[in-house]
């Protein structure tokens, strides 16, 4: 009668598996917060921040209040030079984008009566070269909005 583990069982062995790298936890550095107040230009895309390096997003937001209706303007997120998000506040509300695990950009507040809007950036997205957060103003308005992003670089 055999004793011990079956022959097919083998623990993780980098040499045996011929893996170049095995990550058992995120290897990112400490969290960094960047945030600010920005003024939009009419009918223009405003890039709030462009972070270069390799890292991970812990979260973020774009918000403004008491301005003219901006429900069709869009928040954009670029990862590694590619636009991965282009979502208006109206569509986030209409299609109920409220679950951060299902989509990288979700609705925070949508109040079309008092013109209070916010979008939240979900946790856990990684990037290899860069990340940029932008706002695409589509109503010919100039106003101030707030933004922030928390991330870590390798």
C-alpha atoms as a PDB file:
ATOM      1  CA  UNK A   1       0.000   0.000   0.000  1.00  0.00           C
ATOM      2  CA  UNK A   2       1.372   3.442  -1.027  1.00  0.00           C
ATOM      3  CA  UNK A   3       1.925   6.196   1.475  1.00  0.00           C
ATOM      4  CA  UNK A   4       2.109   9.973   1.023  1.00  0.00           C
ATOM      5  CA  UNK A   5       0.852  12.106  -1.809  1.00  0.00           C
ATOM      6  CA  UNK A   6      -0.029  10.675  -5.241  1.00  0.00           C
ATOM      7  CA  UNK A   7       2.693  10.735  -7.910  1.00  0.00           C
ATOM      8  CA  UNK A   8       0.787  13.329  -9.993  1.00  0.00           C
ATOM      9  CA  UNK A   9       0.765  15.837  -7.125  1.00  0.00           C
ATOM     10  CA  UNK A  10       3.648  18.227  -7.141  1.00  0.00           C
ATOM     11  CA  UNK A  11       3.983  21.568  -5.382  1.00  0.00           C
ATOM     12  CA  UNK A  12       4.854  24.720  -7.271  1.00  0.00           C
ATOM     13  CA  UNK A  13       8.382  24.352  -8.561  1.00  0.00           C
ATOM     14  CA  UNK A  14       9.587  27.207 -10.762  1.00  0.00           C
ATOM     15  CA  UNK A  15      12.341  25.095 -12.326  1.00  0.00           C
ATOM     16  CA  UNK A  16      10.002  22.161 -12.983  1.00  0.00           C
ATOM     17  CA  UNK A  17       7.218  24.348 -14.395  1.00  0.00           C
ATOM     18  CA  UNK A  18       9.655  26.413 -16.463  1.00  0.00           C
ATOM     19  CA  UNK A  19       7.842  29.607 -15.478  1.00  0.00           C
ATOM     20  CA  UNK A  20       9.584  32.898 -16.083  1.00  0.00           C
ATOM     21  CA  UNK A  21       7.890  34.470 -13.083  1.00  0.00           C
ATOM     22  CA  UNK A  22       5.302  33.544 -10.504  1.00  0.00           C
ATOM     23  CA  UNK A  23       3.428  36.311  -8.693  1.00  0.00           C
ATOM     24  CA  UNK A  24       1.647  35.306  -5.530  1.00  0.00           C
ATOM     25  CA  UNK A  25       0.684  38.861  -4.540  1.00  0.00           C
ATOM     26  CA  UNK A  26       0.801  42.283  -6.164  1.00  0.00           C
ATOM     27  CA  UNK A  27       4.349  43.565  -6.274  1.00  0.00           C
ATOM     28  CA  UNK A  28       3.417  47.236  -6.459  1.00  0.00           C
ATOM     29  CA  UNK A  29       4.853  49.953  -4.278  1.00  0.00           C
ATOM     30  CA  UNK A  30       3.070  52.239  -1.880  1.00  0.00           C
ATOM     31  CA  UNK A  31      -0.091  54.040  -2.879  1.00  0.00           C
ATOM     32  CA  UNK A  32       0.159  57.524  -4.364  1.00  0.00           C
ATOM     33  CA  UNK A  33      -2.710  59.983  -4.642  1.00  0.00           C
ATOM     34  CA  UNK A  34      -2.917  62.631  -7.317  1.00  0.00           C
ATOM     35  CA  UNK A  35      -5.883  64.968  -7.492  1.00  0.00           C
ATOM     36  CA  UNK A  36      -6.901  68.436  -8.500  1.00  0.00           C
ATOM     37  CA  UNK A  37      -9.323  71.035  -9.738  1.00  0.00           C
ATOM     38  CA  UNK A  38      -9.482  71.540 -13.497  1.00  0.00           C
ATOM     39  CA  UNK A  39     -11.269  73.950 -15.801  1.00  0.00           C
ATOM     40  CA  UNK A  40     -12.830  72.514 -18.924  1.00  0.00           C
ATOM     41  CA  UNK A  41     -12.659  74.129 -22.326  1.00  0.00           C
ATOM     42  CA  UNK A  42     -15.808  74.200 -24.468  1.00  0.00           C
ATOM     43  CA  UNK A  43     -16.162  71.117 -26.702  1.00  0.00           C
ATOM     44  CA  UNK A  44     -12.674  69.859 -25.889  1.00  0.00           C
ATOM     45  CA  UNK A  45     -11.038  66.875 -24.215  1.00  0.00           C
ATOM     46  CA  UNK A  46      -9.241  67.834 -21.022  1.00  0.00           C
ATOM     47  CA  UNK A  47      -6.584  65.389 -19.791  1.00  0.00           C
ATOM     48  CA  UNK A  48      -6.336  65.668 -15.999  1.00  0.00           C
ATOM     49  CA  UNK A  49      -3.311  63.515 -15.464  1.00  0.00           C
ATOM     50  CA  UNK A  50      -0.929  61.281 -17.374  1.00  0.00           C
ATOM     51  CA  UNK A  51       1.051  58.871 -15.214  1.00  0.00           C
ATOM     52  CA  UNK A  52       3.894  56.910 -16.766  1.00  0.00           C
ATOM     53  CA  UNK A  53       5.245  53.643 -15.486  1.00  0.00           C
ATOM     54  CA  UNK A  54       3.969  50.185 -14.617  1.00  0.00           C
ATOM     55  CA  UNK A  55       1.431  49.843 -11.877  1.00  0.00           C
ATOM     56  CA  UNK A  56      -2.081  49.356 -10.576  1.00  0.00           C
ATOM     57  CA  UNK A  57      -5.092  51.592  -9.944  1.00  0.00           C
ATOM     58  CA  UNK A  58      -6.652  51.600  -6.477  1.00  0.00           C
ATOM     59  CA  UNK A  59      -9.514  53.883  -7.494  1.00  0.00           C
ATOM     60  CA  UNK A  60     -10.445  57.370  -8.533  1.00  0.00           C
ATOM     61  CA  UNK A  61     -13.200  59.846  -9.348  1.00  0.00           C
ATOM     62  CA  UNK A  62     -14.369  62.742 -11.487  1.00  0.00           C
ATOM     63  CA  UNK A  63     -17.034  65.004  -9.969  1.00  0.00           C
ATOM     64  CA  UNK A  64     -18.678  68.385 -10.316  1.00  0.00           C
ATOM     65  CA  UNK A  65     -21.846  70.069  -9.168  1.00  0.00           C
ATOM     66  CA  UNK A  66     -24.232  72.955  -9.748  1.00  0.00           C
ATOM     67  CA  UNK A  67     -23.181  73.583 -13.331  1.00  0.00           C
ATOM     68  CA  UNK A  68     -25.162  73.390 -16.532  1.00  0.00           C
ATOM     69  CA  UNK A  69     -26.222  69.887 -17.477  1.00  0.00           C
ATOM     70  CA  UNK A  70     -23.264  67.755 -18.528  1.00  0.00           C
ATOM     71  CA  UNK A  71     -25.082  64.446 -18.662  1.00  0.00           C
ATOM     72  CA  UNK A  72     -23.822  63.610 -22.166  1.00  0.00           C
ATOM     73  CA  UNK A  73     -20.218  64.620 -21.588  1.00  0.00           C
ATOM     74  CA  UNK A  74     -17.825  61.732 -21.119  1.00  0.00           C
ATOM     75  CA  UNK A  75     -15.143  60.551 -18.745  1.00  0.00           C
ATOM     76  CA  UNK A  76     -12.309  58.763 -20.511  1.00  0.00           C
ATOM     77  CA  UNK A  77      -9.626  56.454 -19.210  1.00  0.00           C
ATOM     78  CA  UNK A  78      -6.548  55.532 -21.217  1.00  0.00           C
ATOM     79  CA  UNK A  79      -4.415  52.533 -20.257  1.00  0.00           C
ATOM     80  CA  UNK A  80      -1.101  51.990 -22.049  1.00  0.00           C
ATOM     81  CA  UNK A  81      -2.064  54.551 -24.697  1.00  0.00           C
ATOM     82  CA  UNK A  82      -5.403  52.894 -25.513  1.00  0.00           C
ATOM     83  CA  UNK A  83      -8.771  54.398 -24.640  1.00  0.00           C
ATOM     84  CA  UNK A  84     -10.502  51.712 -22.595  1.00  0.00           C
ATOM     85  CA  UNK A  85     -13.372  53.830 -21.257  1.00  0.00           C
ATOM     86  CA  UNK A  86     -15.543  56.436 -22.903  1.00  0.00           C
ATOM     87  CA  UNK A  87     -18.745  56.663 -20.912  1.00  0.00           C
ATOM     88  CA  UNK A  88     -21.220  59.525 -20.424  1.00  0.00           C
ATOM     89  CA  UNK A  89     -22.955  60.173 -17.117  1.00  0.00           C
ATOM     90  CA  UNK A  90     -26.314  59.651 -18.836  1.00  0.00           C
ATOM     91  CA  UNK A  91     -25.351  56.186 -20.115  1.00  0.00           C
ATOM     92  CA  UNK A  92     -23.896  55.145 -16.768  1.00  0.00           C
ATOM     93  CA  UNK A  93     -27.259  56.016 -15.210  1.00  0.00           C
ATOM     94  CA  UNK A  94     -29.434  54.608 -18.005  1.00  0.00           C
ATOM     95  CA  UNK A  95     -27.666  51.234 -18.121  1.00  0.00           C
ATOM     96  CA  UNK A  96     -27.052  51.073 -14.361  1.00  0.00           C
ATOM     97  CA  UNK A  97     -23.248  50.920 -14.407  1.00  0.00           C
ATOM     98  CA  UNK A  98     -22.918  50.787 -10.630  1.00  0.00           C
ATOM     99  CA  UNK A  99     -20.878  47.625  -9.962  1.00  0.00           C
ATOM    100  CA  UNK A 100     -17.115  48.296  -9.900  1.00  0.00           C
ATOM    101  CA  UNK A 101     -16.284  44.621 -10.369  1.00  0.00           C
ATOM    102  CA  UNK A 102     -18.205  44.484 -13.637  1.00  0.00           C
ATOM    103  CA  UNK A 103     -16.898  47.636 -15.303  1.00  0.00           C
ATOM    104  CA  UNK A 104     -13.874  49.886 -14.701  1.00  0.00           C
ATOM    105  CA  UNK A 105     -15.916  53.107 -14.667  1.00  0.00           C
ATOM    106  CA  UNK A 106     -19.163  53.343 -12.718  1.00  0.00           C
ATOM    107  CA  UNK A 107     -21.760  55.908 -11.725  1.00  0.00           C
ATOM    108  CA  UNK A 108     -21.266  57.734  -8.462  1.00  0.00           C
ATOM    109  CA  UNK A 109     -24.000  60.402  -8.437  1.00  0.00           C
ATOM    110  CA  UNK A 110     -26.410  61.269 -11.228  1.00  0.00           C
ATOM    111  CA  UNK A 111     -28.709  64.164 -10.331  1.00  0.00           C
ATOM    112  CA  UNK A 112     -30.051  65.775 -13.497  1.00  0.00           C
ATOM    113  CA  UNK A 113     -32.202  68.221 -11.486  1.00  0.00           C
ATOM    114  CA  UNK A 114     -29.420  69.858  -9.461  1.00  0.00           C
ATOM    115  CA  UNK A 115     -26.714  68.998 -12.015  1.00  0.00           C
ATOM    116  CA  UNK A 116     -24.557  66.948  -9.660  1.00  0.00           C
ATOM    117  CA  UNK A 117     -22.573  64.200 -11.383  1.00  0.00           C
ATOM    118  CA  UNK A 118     -19.703  61.899 -10.483  1.00  0.00           C
ATOM    119  CA  UNK A 119     -17.995  58.867 -11.961  1.00  0.00           C
ATOM    120  CA  UNK A 120     -15.864  56.397 -10.012  1.00  0.00           C
ATOM    121  CA  UNK A 121     -12.887  54.421 -11.281  1.00  0.00           C
ATOM    122  CA  UNK A 122     -12.833  50.818 -10.102  1.00  0.00           C
ATOM    123  CA  UNK A 123     -10.058  49.106  -8.159  1.00  0.00           C
ATOM    124  CA  UNK A 124      -7.592  46.653  -9.653  1.00  0.00           C
ATOM    125  CA  UNK A 125      -6.787  47.763 -13.203  1.00  0.00           C
ATOM    126  CA  UNK A 126      -3.133  47.326 -14.098  1.00  0.00           C
ATOM    127  CA  UNK A 127      -1.086  49.227 -16.650  1.00  0.00           C
ATOM    128  CA  UNK A 128       2.289  48.521 -18.225  1.00  0.00           C
ATOM    129  CA  UNK A 129       3.366  51.936 -19.574  1.00  0.00           C
ATOM    130  CA  UNK A 130       0.871  54.670 -18.672  1.00  0.00           C
ATOM    131  CA  UNK A 131      -2.543  55.710 -17.427  1.00  0.00           C
ATOM    132  CA  UNK A 132      -4.437  58.897 -18.267  1.00  0.00           C
ATOM    133  CA  UNK A 133      -7.736  60.273 -17.003  1.00  0.00           C
ATOM    134  CA  UNK A 134      -9.654  62.748 -19.195  1.00  0.00           C
ATOM    135  CA  UNK A 135     -12.977  64.553 -19.584  1.00  0.00           C
ATOM    136  CA  UNK A 136     -14.661  65.178 -22.940  1.00  0.00           C
ATOM    137  CA  UNK A 137     -16.858  68.285 -22.649  1.00  0.00           C
ATOM    138  CA  UNK A 138     -19.698  68.209 -25.206  1.00  0.00           C
ATOM    139  CA  UNK A 139     -21.977  71.140 -24.319  1.00  0.00           C
ATOM    140  CA  UNK A 140     -19.870  74.222 -25.109  1.00  0.00           C
ATOM    141  CA  UNK A 141     -19.438  75.068 -21.415  1.00  0.00           C
ATOM    142  CA  UNK A 142     -16.517  76.215 -19.303  1.00  0.00           C
ATOM    143  CA  UNK A 143     -16.636  75.092 -15.661  1.00  0.00           C
ATOM    144  CA  UNK A 144     -14.539  73.611 -12.862  1.00  0.00           C
ATOM    145  CA  UNK A 145     -14.494  69.972 -11.912  1.00  0.00           C
ATOM    146  CA  UNK A 146     -12.615  67.868  -9.420  1.00  0.00           C
ATOM    147  CA  UNK A 147     -10.697  64.667 -10.114  1.00  0.00           C
ATOM    148  CA  UNK A 148      -8.513  62.219  -8.261  1.00  0.00           C
ATOM    149  CA  UNK A 149      -6.815  58.892  -8.758  1.00  0.00           C
ATOM    150  CA  UNK A 150      -4.995  56.576  -6.345  1.00  0.00           C
ATOM    151  CA  UNK A 151      -2.404  54.250  -7.861  1.00  0.00           C
ATOM    152  CA  UNK A 152       0.838  52.431  -7.163  1.00  0.00           C
ATOM    153  CA  UNK A 153       3.870  51.929  -9.387  1.00  0.00           C
ATOM    154  CA  UNK A 154       6.091  48.875  -9.418  1.00  0.00           C
END
